[in-house]
N, C-alpha and C. Protein backbone atom coordinates (compact mmCIF):
# COMPACT_ATOMS: atom_id res chain seq x y z
N UNK A 1 212.04 226.67 -165.09
CA UNK A 1 210.66 226.21 -165.14
C UNK A 1 209.87 226.92 -164.04
N UNK A 2 208.68 227.38 -164.39
CA UNK A 2 207.85 228.12 -163.43
C UNK A 2 207.21 227.17 -162.42
N UNK A 3 206.70 227.76 -161.35
CA UNK A 3 206.01 226.97 -160.33
C UNK A 3 204.78 226.28 -160.94
N UNK A 4 204.06 227.02 -161.79
CA UNK A 4 202.88 226.43 -162.42
C UNK A 4 203.27 225.24 -163.29
N UNK A 5 204.32 225.37 -164.06
CA UNK A 5 204.77 224.25 -164.89
C UNK A 5 205.12 223.04 -164.03
N UNK A 6 205.77 223.30 -162.90
CA UNK A 6 206.10 222.20 -161.98
C UNK A 6 204.84 221.54 -161.43
N UNK A 7 203.83 222.36 -161.10
CA UNK A 7 202.57 221.82 -160.59
C UNK A 7 201.87 220.98 -161.66
N UNK A 8 201.90 221.45 -162.88
CA UNK A 8 201.25 220.71 -163.97
C UNK A 8 201.97 219.39 -164.21
N UNK A 9 203.28 219.44 -164.26
CA UNK A 9 204.05 218.19 -164.45
C UNK A 9 203.78 217.19 -163.32
N UNK A 10 203.76 217.69 -162.10
CA UNK A 10 203.48 216.82 -160.95
C UNK A 10 202.06 216.26 -161.04
N UNK A 11 201.12 217.08 -161.47
CA UNK A 11 199.74 216.63 -161.61
C UNK A 11 199.62 215.55 -162.67
N UNK A 12 200.29 215.74 -163.79
CA UNK A 12 200.28 214.73 -164.85
C UNK A 12 200.83 213.40 -164.32
N UNK A 13 201.79 213.50 -163.40
CA UNK A 13 202.39 212.30 -162.81
C UNK A 13 201.51 211.70 -161.70
N UNK A 14 200.35 212.34 -161.43
CA UNK A 14 199.42 211.78 -160.46
C UNK A 14 199.41 212.44 -159.09
N UNK A 15 200.09 213.55 -158.93
CA UNK A 15 200.16 214.24 -157.64
C UNK A 15 198.88 215.05 -157.40
N UNK A 16 198.02 214.54 -156.55
CA UNK A 16 196.73 215.19 -156.25
C UNK A 16 196.91 216.55 -155.59
N UNK A 17 197.88 216.67 -154.72
CA UNK A 17 198.10 217.95 -154.02
C UNK A 17 198.53 219.04 -154.99
N UNK A 18 199.35 218.68 -155.95
CA UNK A 18 199.76 219.66 -156.97
C UNK A 18 198.53 220.13 -157.75
N UNK A 19 197.66 219.19 -158.08
CA UNK A 19 196.46 219.57 -158.83
C UNK A 19 195.54 220.43 -157.97
N UNK A 20 195.46 220.15 -156.68
CA UNK A 20 194.66 220.98 -155.78
C UNK A 20 195.14 222.43 -155.82
N UNK A 21 196.44 222.62 -155.90
CA UNK A 21 196.98 223.98 -155.97
C UNK A 21 196.61 224.66 -157.28
N UNK A 22 196.56 223.89 -158.35
CA UNK A 22 196.11 224.45 -159.64
C UNK A 22 194.64 224.82 -159.56
N UNK A 23 193.85 223.99 -158.92
CA UNK A 23 192.42 224.29 -158.75
C UNK A 23 192.27 225.60 -157.97
N UNK A 24 193.02 225.73 -156.88
CA UNK A 24 192.95 226.96 -156.08
C UNK A 24 193.31 228.19 -156.93
N UNK A 25 194.29 228.04 -157.78
CA UNK A 25 194.73 229.16 -158.62
C UNK A 25 193.66 229.57 -159.63
N UNK A 26 192.98 228.59 -160.23
CA UNK A 26 192.06 228.86 -161.33
C UNK A 26 190.58 228.82 -160.96
N UNK A 27 190.27 228.51 -159.73
CA UNK A 27 188.88 228.36 -159.33
C UNK A 27 188.06 229.62 -159.57
N UNK A 28 188.59 230.77 -159.22
CA UNK A 28 187.84 232.02 -159.40
C UNK A 28 187.57 232.29 -160.88
N UNK A 29 188.56 232.08 -161.72
CA UNK A 29 188.39 232.30 -163.15
C UNK A 29 187.32 231.38 -163.72
N UNK A 30 187.40 230.09 -163.41
CA UNK A 30 186.46 229.12 -163.96
C UNK A 30 185.05 229.39 -163.43
N UNK A 31 184.93 229.71 -162.17
CA UNK A 31 183.61 230.04 -161.61
C UNK A 31 183.04 231.31 -162.24
N UNK A 32 183.88 232.27 -162.54
CA UNK A 32 183.41 233.49 -163.20
C UNK A 32 182.88 233.17 -164.60
N UNK A 33 183.57 232.32 -165.31
CA UNK A 33 183.13 231.94 -166.66
C UNK A 33 181.80 231.20 -166.59
N UNK A 34 181.71 230.23 -165.68
CA UNK A 34 180.48 229.44 -165.60
C UNK A 34 179.31 230.28 -165.08
N UNK A 35 179.59 231.20 -164.15
CA UNK A 35 178.50 232.04 -163.65
C UNK A 35 178.02 233.01 -164.73
N UNK A 36 178.94 233.56 -165.50
CA UNK A 36 178.52 234.50 -166.55
C UNK A 36 177.67 233.79 -167.61
N UNK A 37 177.90 232.49 -167.77
CA UNK A 37 177.12 231.74 -168.76
C UNK A 37 175.76 231.29 -168.21
N UNK A 38 175.69 231.04 -166.91
CA UNK A 38 174.46 230.47 -166.35
C UNK A 38 173.65 231.45 -165.51
N UNK A 39 174.32 232.39 -164.86
CA UNK A 39 173.63 233.33 -163.98
C UNK A 39 173.16 232.70 -162.68
N UNK A 40 173.60 231.50 -162.42
CA UNK A 40 173.19 230.78 -161.20
C UNK A 40 174.42 230.27 -160.47
N UNK A 41 174.51 230.58 -159.20
CA UNK A 41 175.67 230.16 -158.41
C UNK A 41 175.76 228.64 -158.33
N UNK A 42 174.64 227.97 -158.03
CA UNK A 42 174.68 226.52 -157.86
C UNK A 42 175.10 225.81 -159.15
N UNK A 43 174.54 226.23 -160.26
CA UNK A 43 174.89 225.62 -161.55
C UNK A 43 176.33 225.94 -161.93
N UNK A 44 176.74 227.16 -161.68
CA UNK A 44 178.11 227.55 -162.04
C UNK A 44 179.12 226.76 -161.21
N UNK A 45 178.81 226.50 -159.95
CA UNK A 45 179.72 225.71 -159.11
C UNK A 45 179.79 224.26 -159.57
N UNK A 46 178.65 223.72 -159.98
CA UNK A 46 178.64 222.35 -160.51
C UNK A 46 179.48 222.24 -161.78
N UNK A 47 179.31 223.21 -162.68
CA UNK A 47 180.07 223.20 -163.92
C UNK A 47 181.56 223.41 -163.66
N UNK A 48 181.89 224.25 -162.71
CA UNK A 48 183.30 224.46 -162.37
C UNK A 48 183.91 223.17 -161.81
N UNK A 49 183.17 222.51 -160.92
CA UNK A 49 183.64 221.25 -160.36
C UNK A 49 183.85 220.22 -161.46
N UNK A 50 182.92 220.15 -162.38
CA UNK A 50 183.03 219.20 -163.49
C UNK A 50 184.21 219.55 -164.39
N UNK A 51 184.47 220.84 -164.56
CA UNK A 51 185.63 221.27 -165.35
C UNK A 51 186.92 220.69 -164.75
N UNK A 52 187.08 220.85 -163.45
CA UNK A 52 188.31 220.37 -162.81
C UNK A 52 188.39 218.85 -162.81
N UNK A 53 187.26 218.20 -162.67
CA UNK A 53 187.24 216.75 -162.74
C UNK A 53 187.67 216.27 -164.13
N UNK A 54 187.12 216.89 -165.16
CA UNK A 54 187.49 216.54 -166.53
C UNK A 54 188.98 216.82 -166.78
N UNK A 55 189.45 217.94 -166.27
CA UNK A 55 190.86 218.28 -166.45
C UNK A 55 191.75 217.23 -165.79
N UNK A 56 191.41 216.84 -164.57
CA UNK A 56 192.20 215.83 -163.86
C UNK A 56 192.25 214.52 -164.64
N UNK A 57 191.09 214.10 -165.12
CA UNK A 57 191.00 212.84 -165.86
C UNK A 57 191.74 212.88 -167.19
N UNK A 58 191.86 214.06 -167.78
CA UNK A 58 192.40 214.17 -169.13
C UNK A 58 193.72 214.93 -169.22
N UNK A 59 194.39 215.09 -168.09
CA UNK A 59 195.66 215.81 -168.09
C UNK A 59 196.67 215.22 -169.08
N UNK A 60 196.60 213.92 -169.28
CA UNK A 60 197.54 213.26 -170.19
C UNK A 60 197.39 213.78 -171.62
N UNK A 61 196.25 214.40 -171.94
CA UNK A 61 196.01 214.91 -173.28
C UNK A 61 196.59 216.31 -173.49
N UNK A 62 196.99 216.95 -172.42
CA UNK A 62 197.55 218.30 -172.52
C UNK A 62 198.93 218.21 -173.16
N UNK A 63 199.04 218.74 -174.37
CA UNK A 63 200.29 218.63 -175.14
C UNK A 63 201.32 219.69 -174.75
N UNK A 64 200.84 220.88 -174.44
CA UNK A 64 201.73 222.00 -174.13
C UNK A 64 201.35 222.57 -172.77
N UNK A 65 202.19 222.32 -171.76
CA UNK A 65 201.84 222.76 -170.41
C UNK A 65 201.74 224.27 -170.28
N UNK A 66 202.33 224.99 -171.22
CA UNK A 66 202.21 226.45 -171.19
C UNK A 66 200.81 226.91 -171.58
N UNK A 67 200.00 226.00 -172.09
CA UNK A 67 198.64 226.36 -172.52
C UNK A 67 197.59 225.79 -171.56
N UNK A 68 197.99 225.48 -170.35
CA UNK A 68 197.07 224.89 -169.37
C UNK A 68 195.84 225.77 -169.17
N UNK A 69 196.05 227.06 -168.97
CA UNK A 69 194.93 227.98 -168.70
C UNK A 69 193.92 227.96 -169.85
N UNK A 70 194.39 228.07 -171.08
CA UNK A 70 193.46 228.08 -172.21
C UNK A 70 192.81 226.72 -172.40
N UNK A 71 193.54 225.65 -172.11
CA UNK A 71 193.00 224.29 -172.18
C UNK A 71 191.86 224.14 -171.17
N UNK A 72 192.09 224.63 -169.96
CA UNK A 72 191.08 224.57 -168.90
C UNK A 72 189.84 225.38 -169.29
N UNK A 73 190.06 226.54 -169.86
CA UNK A 73 188.93 227.37 -170.30
C UNK A 73 188.16 226.69 -171.43
N UNK A 74 188.85 225.97 -172.29
CA UNK A 74 188.18 225.23 -173.37
C UNK A 74 187.28 224.14 -172.80
N UNK A 75 187.78 223.44 -171.80
CA UNK A 75 186.96 222.41 -171.14
C UNK A 75 185.71 223.07 -170.57
N UNK A 76 185.89 224.21 -169.93
CA UNK A 76 184.77 224.93 -169.33
C UNK A 76 183.73 225.31 -170.39
N UNK A 77 184.19 225.90 -171.48
CA UNK A 77 183.26 226.30 -172.54
C UNK A 77 182.53 225.09 -173.13
N UNK A 78 183.23 223.99 -173.31
CA UNK A 78 182.59 222.78 -173.84
C UNK A 78 181.52 222.26 -172.88
N UNK A 79 181.80 222.28 -171.60
CA UNK A 79 180.82 221.82 -170.61
C UNK A 79 179.60 222.74 -170.59
N UNK A 80 179.83 224.03 -170.73
CA UNK A 80 178.71 224.98 -170.77
C UNK A 80 177.82 224.69 -171.98
N UNK A 81 178.44 224.46 -173.13
CA UNK A 81 177.66 224.15 -174.35
C UNK A 81 176.88 222.86 -174.17
N UNK A 82 177.48 221.88 -173.55
CA UNK A 82 176.80 220.60 -173.31
C UNK A 82 175.64 220.77 -172.32
N UNK A 83 175.84 221.66 -171.36
CA UNK A 83 174.80 221.90 -170.35
C UNK A 83 173.54 222.43 -171.01
N UNK A 84 173.71 223.31 -171.98
CA UNK A 84 172.57 223.91 -172.66
C UNK A 84 172.24 223.07 -173.83
């Protein structure tokens, strides 16, 4: 099992520190997506923060931990659509 898989499993079990490490890993990617959609740093940071908040709240819905990255990007895209 990879380190990321371990972090995801620990996060699903409620480990905040494990989730913080996932946030650190994906923060640049999510911020790049939100900035490319909005063109504004402040808005992109808010959307990125909301992405991670939604992910934390809904981790139990993640069926395949190997798809965490694409799941996170889907949350991001949905939030961007809702924003506009």
